[in-house]
Amino acid sequence: MQYKLEIQAINKTFGKVEALKNVSLNLETGKMLAVLGPSGCGKTTLLRSIAGFETPDSGIIKIDGETVFGPQVNIKPERRHIGYVPQDGVLFPHLSAAQNVSFGLPRALRNSGRVDEMLELVGMGGLGNRMPNELSGGQQQRIALARALAPSPSLILMDEPFSALDAGLRAALREDVVNSLAYTNATAIIVTHDQEEALSMADLVAVMRNGECVQVDDPVSLYKRPADMDIARFVGEATILQAPVMDGQVHTPFGQLPVACASLCGCQDAYVVIRPEQFIIGQPNEQVCGKVVRTVFYGHDAIVCLKMDNPTGMENIHVRVSGTEQFTPGEAVGLSIDGEVMAYAPSPTVAA
């Protein structure tokens, strides 16, 4: 298989800081990859290396089978046929929306209808004459995306393009961007520190930590079967419970639970990771009981905060429920587990 993008063992240092450590990735045509990680993990350095704005110390980068970086090869950014959407859009303030979109087009295509097509695609039809200072933050990001898509690049790179927007606008714009990219069959990479953003938008998610790519997987597999406990805690909320291992199984206050991913050979104890939506609230005659402290309402769902009565090793637990369910502070409830849990062997760097 020939991938749209191939990255082989990329390394990059800034002084004594190893920004990228032996990073390798492959991305198929028409797919979106989210590079997810906390600030300083190397995700923007990786994006800038693909674009050609940073020069790695070693490794190989191929786009459409052509080596754009490697031994004795370093193609200039403008010749890599890449569309780049920076964090804040960065439109030319003296050019109209339409002129911004047409900026990267060959002269022959500027009056071909391509600009109007791109404006319509990103929901900005009829607004081409507006200047950047007349556009909202979300509209400016749409224009930046249209400008990146207009030349039909091999690859679209987006560096935290929604971080400056409010939550409601971010969600709407995410959906529009995904639809626009799918319509043009564009191959794209988005850098983000927002787990929800990565899981909801991408076909593939690469989790980075301290310059290393520690797991690459589809969103469902990443959430349900993280490679280690640090990833489990980073990608979504989690309750951590230490439990004994007997005959390769974890034994918890909830009973013996089915394990989705585990490497427990030779372990006497394990850390069990439980997602908030796996807890089921029932009557207080359950084996594990607690009292409702408060409910945090989000509309479509809610988080019920419980203080546990039993000596379970878990003092407080957060349970995700439907937004239609109501609980009263002080109400006694029972708790059980639905589905498989994740279990990990203890390590010196991991603490519950």
Foldseek 3Di string as FASTA:
>chain_A
DFAQKWWFQFWADDVPATLAGGATDTHHFLFEEEEAEDPSLNPVVVLCCQLLVDPTPATWMDGRNHTCDHVVHHNHNVPQQEFEQEQQLPFDQVAFLLCSLCVPPDPVCSPVCLSQVLCVLLPNHPRRRHGPVVDDSLVSSSSSLSSRPSRPGSEYEYENRCVVDDPVSSVVNLVSSLSSSNVSSHYYYYYDNDLVSRLVRGQKYFYGGSNYRQDIDGSVCCQAPPPAVVSVVSNAHKDKAKAFADPNWGQFLQGTFAADDEDQVPAGIKIKIAHQAFKDKAALVHSWKWFWADWAADDQKIWTWTQTDDPRRDGIGIHIGGNVDDDDGGDMIGIHGDDHIHIYGDDPVDDD
